[in-house]
Amino acid sequence: MKYLFLLFTVVALPASGQLPYQSIVRIDPKRLFFREISLTYEVPIKGTFALEAGLGYRFNRPHAGPEIKGIGSGMFGGYDIQQMANPHLQAISVSVAPKWYVPGRAMFLSTMLFSRYWWCDKVRASYDNVEGYRFDALRTERIGVIGGKLLVGTTSKPREVLSRVNYLMTVYAGIGWRWKDMRYQSWDGQVNDEPVVYLEEHYRQNIPSLHGGILIGFGFHRKGGKL
């Protein structure tokens, strides 16, 4: 978080105020490492207010081996937080975020609502966590997520790449809360070291979250105007 704050400060220094534009399209580059394409589309509403809508799709790895390598151990080894590490899961996500820009600045405050749906169908998978939930079985999974985020961010001074098209970078950070509904089906294997022919499990979870990152975007301005 310290380095994110420093980057946030450096980017904010040359930032210009909100200027007339027709739309901004942004991509989250860090999600590409997890085989997910995440795009947002922002349009001005009135004055310093704008509205952003997002759509994402996460691809699975159809030829991946059964082993799921977790992102950590102990409190970070719980299977309920391994979705991004699971090569068998696909996901689709949608979001909507009203935004308010500080007058005369490129800084903004955003309240985002989002939903994400994860799934896989009858794939051979195994997860070995000696301190918690573990399995080795044929699996079908359905995971629904609904949540909200409160974000603060800033957008760098735009650089023109084409006529009426500008490149820009957005840095953001914030907090959030999410509700998860997890349904697992297992066949012909083991769950928590117990043999199963068929087992259906259902869990629910409410958890807080921290957020931060960098978005790469392109702004499209009106004829005669500039970002």
C-alpha atoms as a PDB file:
ATOM      1  CA  MET A   1       0.000   0.000   0.000  1.00  0.00           C
ATOM      2  CA  LYS A   2       2.934   2.375   0.663  1.00  0.00           C
ATOM      3  CA  TYR A   3       4.181   2.047  -2.912  1.00  0.00           C
ATOM      4  CA  LEU A   4       0.651   2.396  -4.304  1.00  0.00           C
ATOM      5  CA  PHE A   5       0.243   5.654  -2.328  1.00  0.00           C
ATOM      6  CA  LEU A   6       3.536   7.013  -3.702  1.00  0.00           C
ATOM      7  CA  LEU A   7       2.523   6.132  -7.266  1.00  0.00           C
ATOM      8  CA  PHE A   8      -0.887   7.699  -6.672  1.00  0.00           C
ATOM      9  CA  THR A   9       0.796  10.940  -5.535  1.00  0.00           C
ATOM     10  CA  VAL A  10       3.215  11.080  -8.472  1.00  0.00           C
ATOM     11  CA  VAL A  11       0.463  10.525 -11.035  1.00  0.00           C
ATOM     12  CA  ALA A  12      -1.758  13.141  -9.380  1.00  0.00           C
ATOM     13  CA  LEU A  13       0.831  15.922  -9.655  1.00  0.00           C
ATOM     14  CA  PRO A  14       0.513  16.557 -13.417  1.00  0.00           C
ATOM     15  CA  ALA A  15      -3.184  15.708 -13.512  1.00  0.00           C
ATOM     16  CA  SER A  16      -5.506  18.117 -15.232  1.00  0.00           C
ATOM     17  CA  GLY A  17      -9.089  18.821 -14.298  1.00  0.00           C
ATOM     18  CA  GLN A  18     -12.057  17.068 -15.789  1.00  0.00           C
ATOM     19  CA  LEU A  19     -12.405  18.289 -19.377  1.00  0.00           C
ATOM     20  CA  PRO A  20     -15.127  17.657 -21.948  1.00  0.00           C
ATOM     21  CA  TYR A  21     -15.075  14.117 -23.308  1.00  0.00           C
ATOM     22  CA  GLN A  22     -17.571  11.754 -24.872  1.00  0.00           C
ATOM     23  CA  SER A  23     -16.262   8.523 -23.324  1.00  0.00           C
ATOM     24  CA  ILE A  24     -13.309   6.770 -21.703  1.00  0.00           C
ATOM     25  CA  VAL A  25     -12.540   3.080 -22.238  1.00  0.00           C
ATOM     26  CA  ARG A  26     -10.253   1.432 -19.667  1.00  0.00           C
ATOM     27  CA  ILE A  27      -8.663  -1.996 -19.256  1.00  0.00           C
ATOM     28  CA  ASP A  28      -7.288  -3.559 -16.067  1.00  0.00           C
ATOM     29  CA  PRO A  29      -3.867  -4.943 -17.132  1.00  0.00           C
ATOM     30  CA  LYS A  30      -3.210  -6.981 -13.959  1.00  0.00           C
ATOM     31  CA  ARG A  31      -6.216  -9.197 -14.695  1.00  0.00           C
ATOM     32  CA  LEU A  32      -4.639 -10.293 -17.980  1.00  0.00           C
ATOM     33  CA  PHE A  33      -2.187 -12.361 -15.899  1.00  0.00           C
ATOM     34  CA  PHE A  34      -5.204 -14.323 -14.626  1.00  0.00           C
ATOM     35  CA  ARG A  35      -6.632 -14.856 -18.139  1.00  0.00           C
ATOM     36  CA  GLU A  36      -9.349 -12.247 -17.641  1.00  0.00           C
ATOM     37  CA  ILE A  37     -10.344  -9.390 -19.938  1.00  0.00           C
ATOM     38  CA  SER A  38     -11.851  -6.578 -17.862  1.00  0.00           C
ATOM     39  CA  LEU A  39     -13.150  -3.433 -19.608  1.00  0.00           C
ATOM     40  CA  THR A  40     -14.949  -0.351 -18.315  1.00  0.00           C
ATOM     41  CA  TYR A  41     -16.772   2.366 -20.237  1.00  0.00           C
ATOM     42  CA  GLU A  42     -17.240   5.823 -18.700  1.00  0.00           C
ATOM     43  CA  VAL A  43     -19.483   8.655 -19.909  1.00  0.00           C
ATOM     44  CA  PRO A  44     -20.142  12.100 -18.386  1.00  0.00           C
ATOM     45  CA  ILE A  45     -23.601  12.721 -16.971  1.00  0.00           C
ATOM     46  CA  LYS A  46     -23.702  16.324 -15.806  1.00  0.00           C
ATOM     47  CA  GLY A  47     -21.083  18.728 -14.510  1.00  0.00           C
ATOM     48  CA  THR A  48     -18.552  16.789 -12.452  1.00  0.00           C
ATOM     49  CA  PHE A  49     -20.572  13.554 -12.401  1.00  0.00           C
ATOM     50  CA  ALA A  50     -19.943  10.521 -14.616  1.00  0.00           C
ATOM     51  CA  LEU A  51     -21.154   6.945 -14.869  1.00  0.00           C
ATOM     52  CA  GLU A  52     -18.952   3.918 -15.482  1.00  0.00           C
ATOM     53  CA  ALA A  53     -20.075   0.425 -16.512  1.00  0.00           C
ATOM     54  CA  GLY A  54     -17.807  -2.635 -16.553  1.00  0.00           C
ATOM     55  CA  LEU A  55     -17.779  -6.085 -18.095  1.00  0.00           C
ATOM     56  CA  GLY A  56     -15.280  -8.897 -17.637  1.00  0.00           C
ATOM     57  CA  TYR A  57     -14.768 -12.464 -18.760  1.00  0.00           C
ATOM     58  CA  ARG A  58     -12.266 -14.918 -17.306  1.00  0.00           C
ATOM     59  CA  PHE A  59     -11.093 -17.886 -19.405  1.00  0.00           C
ATOM     60  CA  ASN A  60     -10.310 -21.278 -17.930  1.00  0.00           C
ATOM     61  CA  ARG A  61      -7.379 -23.480 -18.922  1.00  0.00           C
ATOM     62  CA  PRO A  62      -9.025 -26.493 -20.595  1.00  0.00           C
ATOM     63  CA  HIS A  63      -5.807 -28.563 -20.648  1.00  0.00           C
ATOM     64  CA  ALA A  64      -4.671 -27.760 -17.109  1.00  0.00           C
ATOM     65  CA  GLY A  65      -3.733 -30.589 -14.775  1.00  0.00           C
ATOM     66  CA  PRO A  66      -5.952 -31.398 -11.789  1.00  0.00           C
ATOM     67  CA  GLU A  67      -3.775 -29.726  -9.138  1.00  0.00           C
ATOM     68  CA  ILE A  68      -4.862 -26.292  -7.912  1.00  0.00           C
ATOM     69  CA  LYS A  69      -1.873 -24.360  -6.557  1.00  0.00           C
ATOM     70  CA  GLY A  70      -3.099 -21.955  -3.900  1.00  0.00           C
ATOM     71  CA  ILE A  71      -2.033 -18.356  -3.397  1.00  0.00           C
ATOM     72  CA  GLY A  72      -0.807 -18.930   0.168  1.00  0.00           C
ATOM     73  CA  SER A  73      -1.049 -21.005   3.338  1.00  0.00           C
ATOM     74  CA  GLY A  74      -2.596 -20.620   6.769  1.00  0.00           C
ATOM     75  CA  MET A  75      -5.190 -17.843   6.764  1.00  0.00           C
ATOM     76  CA  PHE A  76      -4.419 -17.269   3.061  1.00  0.00           C
ATOM     77  CA  GLY A  77      -4.796 -20.939   2.177  1.00  0.00           C
ATOM     78  CA  GLY A  78      -8.573 -21.224   2.486  1.00  0.00           C
ATOM     79  CA  TYR A  79     -10.226 -22.611  -0.624  1.00  0.00           C
ATOM     80  CA  ASP A  80     -12.869 -19.878  -0.500  1.00  0.00           C
ATOM     81  CA  ILE A  81     -10.281 -17.326  -1.764  1.00  0.00           C
ATOM     82  CA  GLN A  82      -8.632 -19.487  -4.443  1.00  0.00           C
ATOM     83  CA  GLN A  83     -10.852 -18.626  -7.409  1.00  0.00           C
ATOM     84  CA  MET A  84      -8.167 -16.665  -9.269  1.00  0.00           C
ATOM     85  CA  ALA A  85      -5.685 -19.506  -8.685  1.00  0.00           C
ATOM     86  CA  ASN A  86      -8.082 -22.191  -9.954  1.00  0.00           C
ATOM     87  CA  PRO A  87      -7.335 -22.892 -13.657  1.00  0.00           C
ATOM     88  CA  HIS A  88     -10.618 -24.788 -14.098  1.00  0.00           C
ATOM     89  CA  LEU A  89     -12.940 -21.887 -13.292  1.00  0.00           C
ATOM     90  CA  GLN A  90     -14.491 -19.517 -15.791  1.00  0.00           C
ATOM     91  CA  ALA A  91     -16.141 -16.278 -14.697  1.00  0.00           C
ATOM     92  CA  ILE A  92     -18.223 -13.383 -15.947  1.00  0.00           C
ATOM     93  CA  SER A  93     -18.539 -10.064 -14.105  1.00  0.00           C
ATOM     94  CA  VAL A  94     -20.520  -6.841 -14.435  1.00  0.00           C
ATOM     95  CA  SER A  95     -20.273  -3.550 -12.547  1.00  0.00           C
ATOM     96  CA  VAL A  96     -21.745  -0.064 -12.395  1.00  0.00           C
ATOM     97  CA  ALA A  97     -20.041   2.903 -10.714  1.00  0.00           C
ATOM     98  CA  PRO A  98     -21.283   6.483 -10.320  1.00  0.00           C
ATOM     99  CA  LYS A  99     -18.270   8.834 -10.108  1.00  0.00           C
ATOM    100  CA  TRP A 100     -17.767  12.357  -8.816  1.00  0.00           C
ATOM    101  CA  TYR A 101     -14.758  14.385  -9.929  1.00  0.00           C
ATOM    102  CA  VAL A 102     -13.234  17.041  -7.694  1.00  0.00           C
ATOM    103  CA  PRO A 103     -13.922  20.365  -9.491  1.00  0.00           C
ATOM    104  CA  GLY A 104     -10.829  21.494 -11.353  1.00  0.00           C
ATOM    105  CA  ARG A 105      -8.965  18.271 -10.615  1.00  0.00           C
ATOM    106  CA  ALA A 106      -8.641  14.793 -12.130  1.00  0.00           C
ATOM    107  CA  MET A 107      -9.276  13.151  -8.750  1.00  0.00           C
ATOM    108  CA  PHE A 108     -12.542  11.266  -8.274  1.00  0.00           C
ATOM    109  CA  LEU A 109     -14.639   9.390  -5.754  1.00  0.00           C
ATOM    110  CA  SER A 110     -16.487   6.286  -6.941  1.00  0.00           C
ATOM    111  CA  THR A 111     -19.070   3.954  -5.418  1.00  0.00           C
ATOM    112  CA  MET A 112     -19.077   0.673  -7.341  1.00  0.00           C
ATOM    113  CA  LEU A 113     -21.580  -2.173  -7.261  1.00  0.00           C
ATOM    114  CA  PHE A 114     -20.490  -5.422  -8.897  1.00  0.00           C
ATOM    115  CA  SER A 115     -21.451  -9.038  -9.440  1.00  0.00           C
ATOM    116  CA  ARG A 116     -19.313 -12.000 -10.486  1.00  0.00           C
ATOM    117  CA  TYR A 117     -20.267 -15.570 -11.336  1.00  0.00           C
ATOM    118  CA  TRP A 118     -17.714 -18.435 -11.340  1.00  0.00           C
ATOM    119  CA  TRP A 119     -18.323 -21.948 -12.659  1.00  0.00           C
ATOM    120  CA  CYS A 120     -16.825 -25.245 -13.812  1.00  0.00           C
ATOM    121  CA  ASP A 121     -18.514 -28.497 -14.805  1.00  0.00           C
ATOM    122  CA  LYS A 122     -17.295 -31.984 -13.883  1.00  0.00           C
ATOM    123  CA  VAL A 123     -13.542 -31.419 -14.002  1.00  0.00           C
ATOM    124  CA  ARG A 124     -11.013 -33.582 -12.183  1.00  0.00           C
ATOM    125  CA  ALA A 125      -9.430 -31.268  -9.606  1.00  0.00           C
ATOM    126  CA  SER A 126      -7.463 -31.488  -6.368  1.00  0.00           C
ATOM    127  CA  TYR A 127      -6.606 -28.979  -3.665  1.00  0.00           C
ATOM    128  CA  ASP A 128      -4.286 -29.956  -0.820  1.00  0.00           C
ATOM    129  CA  ASN A 129      -4.482 -27.663   2.195  1.00  0.00           C
ATOM    130  CA  VAL A 130      -3.353 -29.508   5.321  1.00  0.00           C
ATOM    131  CA  GLU A 131      -4.694 -26.700   7.523  1.00  0.00           C
ATOM    132  CA  GLY A 132      -8.198 -26.573   6.063  1.00  0.00           C
ATOM    133  CA  TYR A 133     -10.565 -27.644   3.286  1.00  0.00           C
ATOM    134  CA  ARG A 134      -9.083 -30.077   0.764  1.00  0.00           C
ATOM    135  CA  PHE A 135     -10.304 -32.464  -1.906  1.00  0.00           C
ATOM    136  CA  ASP A 136      -9.412 -34.724  -4.822  1.00  0.00           C
ATOM    137  CA  ALA A 137     -12.494 -35.493  -6.895  1.00  0.00           C
ATOM    138  CA  LEU A 138     -14.554 -34.815  -9.990  1.00  0.00           C
ATOM    139  CA  ARG A 139     -15.935 -31.323  -9.323  1.00  0.00           C
ATOM    140  CA  THR A 140     -18.727 -29.014 -10.398  1.00  0.00           C
ATOM    141  CA  GLU A 141     -18.680 -25.553  -8.815  1.00  0.00           C
ATOM    142  CA  ARG A 142     -20.980 -22.527  -8.816  1.00  0.00           C
ATOM    143  CA  ILE A 143     -19.857 -19.363  -6.996  1.00  0.00           C
ATOM    144  CA  GLY A 144     -21.878 -16.163  -6.968  1.00  0.00           C
ATOM    145  CA  VAL A 145     -20.409 -12.908  -5.679  1.00  0.00           C
ATOM    146  CA  ILE A 146     -22.171  -9.590  -5.031  1.00  0.00           C
ATOM    147  CA  GLY A 147     -20.336  -6.636  -3.539  1.00  0.00           C
ATOM    148  CA  GLY A 148     -19.600  -2.947  -3.319  1.00  0.00           C
ATOM    149  CA  LYS A 149     -16.487  -0.762  -3.343  1.00  0.00           C
ATOM    150  CA  LEU A 150     -15.693   2.771  -2.242  1.00  0.00           C
ATOM    151  CA  LEU A 151     -12.780   4.012  -4.343  1.00  0.00           C
ATOM    152  CA  VAL A 152     -10.712   7.160  -4.678  1.00  0.00           C
ATOM    153  CA  GLY A 153      -8.525   7.704  -7.709  1.00  0.00           C
ATOM    154  CA  THR A 154      -6.828  10.089 -10.079  1.00  0.00           C
ATOM    155  CA  THR A 155      -6.187  10.167 -13.810  1.00  0.00           C
ATOM    156  CA  SER A 156      -2.886  11.234 -15.345  1.00  0.00           C
ATOM    157  CA  LYS A 157      -2.473  14.063 -17.812  1.00  0.00           C
ATOM    158  CA  PRO A 158      -3.675  12.666 -21.163  1.00  0.00           C
ATOM    159  CA  ARG A 159      -1.364  12.188 -24.122  1.00  0.00           C
ATOM    160  CA  GLU A 160      -2.768  12.398 -27.624  1.00  0.00           C
ATOM    161  CA  VAL A 161      -2.213   9.276 -29.728  1.00  0.00           C
ATOM    162  CA  LEU A 162      -4.693   9.984 -32.541  1.00  0.00           C
ATOM    163  CA  SER A 163      -6.910  12.878 -33.507  1.00  0.00           C
ATOM    164  CA  ARG A 164      -9.482  13.252 -30.687  1.00  0.00           C
ATOM    165  CA  VAL A 165      -8.092  10.110 -28.952  1.00  0.00           C
ATOM    166  CA  ASN A 166      -5.910  10.334 -25.832  1.00  0.00           C
ATOM    167  CA  TYR A 167      -3.984   7.784 -23.792  1.00  0.00           C
ATOM    168  CA  LEU A 168      -4.333   8.087 -20.004  1.00  0.00           C
ATOM    169  CA  MET A 169      -3.615   6.149 -16.841  1.00  0.00           C
ATOM    170  CA  THR A 170      -5.830   5.894 -13.753  1.00  0.00           C
ATOM    171  CA  VAL A 171      -4.601   4.943 -10.274  1.00  0.00           C
ATOM    172  CA  TYR A 172      -7.134   3.970  -7.601  1.00  0.00           C
ATOM    173  CA  ALA A 173      -7.398   2.560  -4.086  1.00  0.00           C
ATOM    174  CA  GLY A 174     -10.237   1.800  -1.691  1.00  0.00           C
ATOM    175  CA  ILE A 175     -12.200  -0.603   0.474  1.00  0.00           C
ATOM    176  CA  GLY A 176     -15.094  -2.948  -0.166  1.00  0.00           C
ATOM    177  CA  TRP A 177     -17.397  -5.687   1.036  1.00  0.00           C
ATOM    178  CA  ARG A 178     -18.570  -8.842  -0.735  1.00  0.00           C
ATOM    179  CA  TRP A 179     -21.118 -11.591  -0.193  1.00  0.00           C
ATOM    180  CA  LYS A 180     -20.331 -15.026  -1.630  1.00  0.00           C
ATOM    181  CA  ASP A 181     -22.555 -18.029  -2.239  1.00  0.00           C
ATOM    182  CA  MET A 182     -20.507 -21.192  -2.941  1.00  0.00           C
ATOM    183  CA  ARG A 183     -21.977 -24.507  -4.113  1.00  0.00           C
ATOM    184  CA  TYR A 184     -19.733 -27.536  -4.701  1.00  0.00           C
ATOM    185  CA  GLN A 185     -20.520 -31.005  -6.037  1.00  0.00           C
ATOM    186  CA  SER A 186     -17.954 -33.805  -5.783  1.00  0.00           C
ATOM    187  CA  TRP A 187     -17.959 -37.321  -7.307  1.00  0.00           C
ATOM    188  CA  ASP A 188     -15.723 -40.370  -6.976  1.00  0.00           C
ATOM    189  CA  GLY A 189     -12.940 -39.054  -4.789  1.00  0.00           C
ATOM    190  CA  GLN A 190     -12.145 -37.571  -1.377  1.00  0.00           C
ATOM    191  CA  VAL A 191     -13.205 -34.438   0.479  1.00  0.00           C
ATOM    192  CA  ASN A 192     -11.315 -33.634   3.689  1.00  0.00           C
ATOM    193  CA  ASP A 193      -9.757 -37.126   3.492  1.00  0.00           C
ATOM    194  CA  GLU A 194     -13.202 -38.790   3.546  1.00  0.00           C
ATOM    195  CA  PRO A 195     -14.171 -41.021   0.579  1.00  0.00           C
ATOM    196  CA  VAL A 196     -17.206 -39.748  -1.341  1.00  0.00           C
ATOM    197  CA  VAL A 197     -19.328 -41.225  -4.100  1.00  0.00           C
ATOM    198  CA  TYR A 198     -21.304 -37.990  -4.296  1.00  0.00           C
ATOM    199  CA  LEU A 199     -21.266 -34.958  -2.006  1.00  0.00           C
ATOM    200  CA  GLU A 200     -23.020 -31.610  -2.319  1.00  0.00           C
ATOM    201  CA  GLU A 201     -21.826 -28.645  -0.219  1.00  0.00           C
ATOM    202  CA  HIS A 202     -23.185 -25.138   0.237  1.00  0.00           C
ATOM    203  CA  TYR A 203     -21.365 -22.266   1.980  1.00  0.00           C
ATOM    204  CA  ARG A 204     -22.008 -18.537   2.380  1.00  0.00           C
ATOM    205  CA  GLN A 205     -19.555 -15.838   3.328  1.00  0.00           C
ATOM    206  CA  ASN A 206     -19.398 -12.096   4.001  1.00  0.00           C
ATOM    207  CA  ILE A 207     -15.912 -10.557   3.881  1.00  0.00           C
ATOM    208  CA  PRO A 208     -14.310  -7.083   3.718  1.00  0.00           C
ATOM    209  CA  SER A 209     -11.741  -6.346   1.035  1.00  0.00           C
ATOM    210  CA  LEU A 210      -8.990  -3.907   0.064  1.00  0.00           C
ATOM    211  CA  HIS A 211      -8.543  -2.679  -3.505  1.00  0.00           C
ATOM    212  CA  GLY A 212      -5.925  -0.862  -5.509  1.00  0.00           C
ATOM    213  CA  GLY A 213      -4.440  -0.828  -8.960  1.00  0.00           C
ATOM    214  CA  ILE A 214      -3.705   0.898 -12.251  1.00  0.00           C
ATOM    215  CA  LEU A 215      -6.013   1.107 -15.260  1.00  0.00           C
ATOM    216  CA  ILE A 216      -4.915   1.880 -18.819  1.00  0.00           C
ATOM    217  CA  GLY A 217      -7.415   3.925 -20.800  1.00  0.00           C
ATOM    218  CA  PHE A 218      -8.258   5.830 -23.959  1.00  0.00           C
ATOM    219  CA  GLY A 219     -10.359   8.982 -23.871  1.00  0.00           C
ATOM    220  CA  PHE A 220     -12.421  10.168 -26.811  1.00  0.00           C
ATOM    221  CA  HIS A 221     -13.153  13.900 -26.810  1.00  0.00           C
ATOM    222  CA  ARG A 222     -15.600  16.007 -28.700  1.00  0.00           C
ATOM    223  CA  LYS A 223     -14.630  17.875 -31.815  1.00  0.00           C
ATOM    224  CA  GLY A 224     -13.091  21.149 -30.733  1.00  0.00           C
ATOM    225  CA  GLY A 225     -12.482  19.882 -27.199  1.00  0.00           C
ATOM    226  CA  LYS A 226      -9.490  18.258 -25.542  1.00  0.00           C
ATOM    227  CA  LEU A 227      -9.046  15.946 -22.606  1.00  0.00           C
END
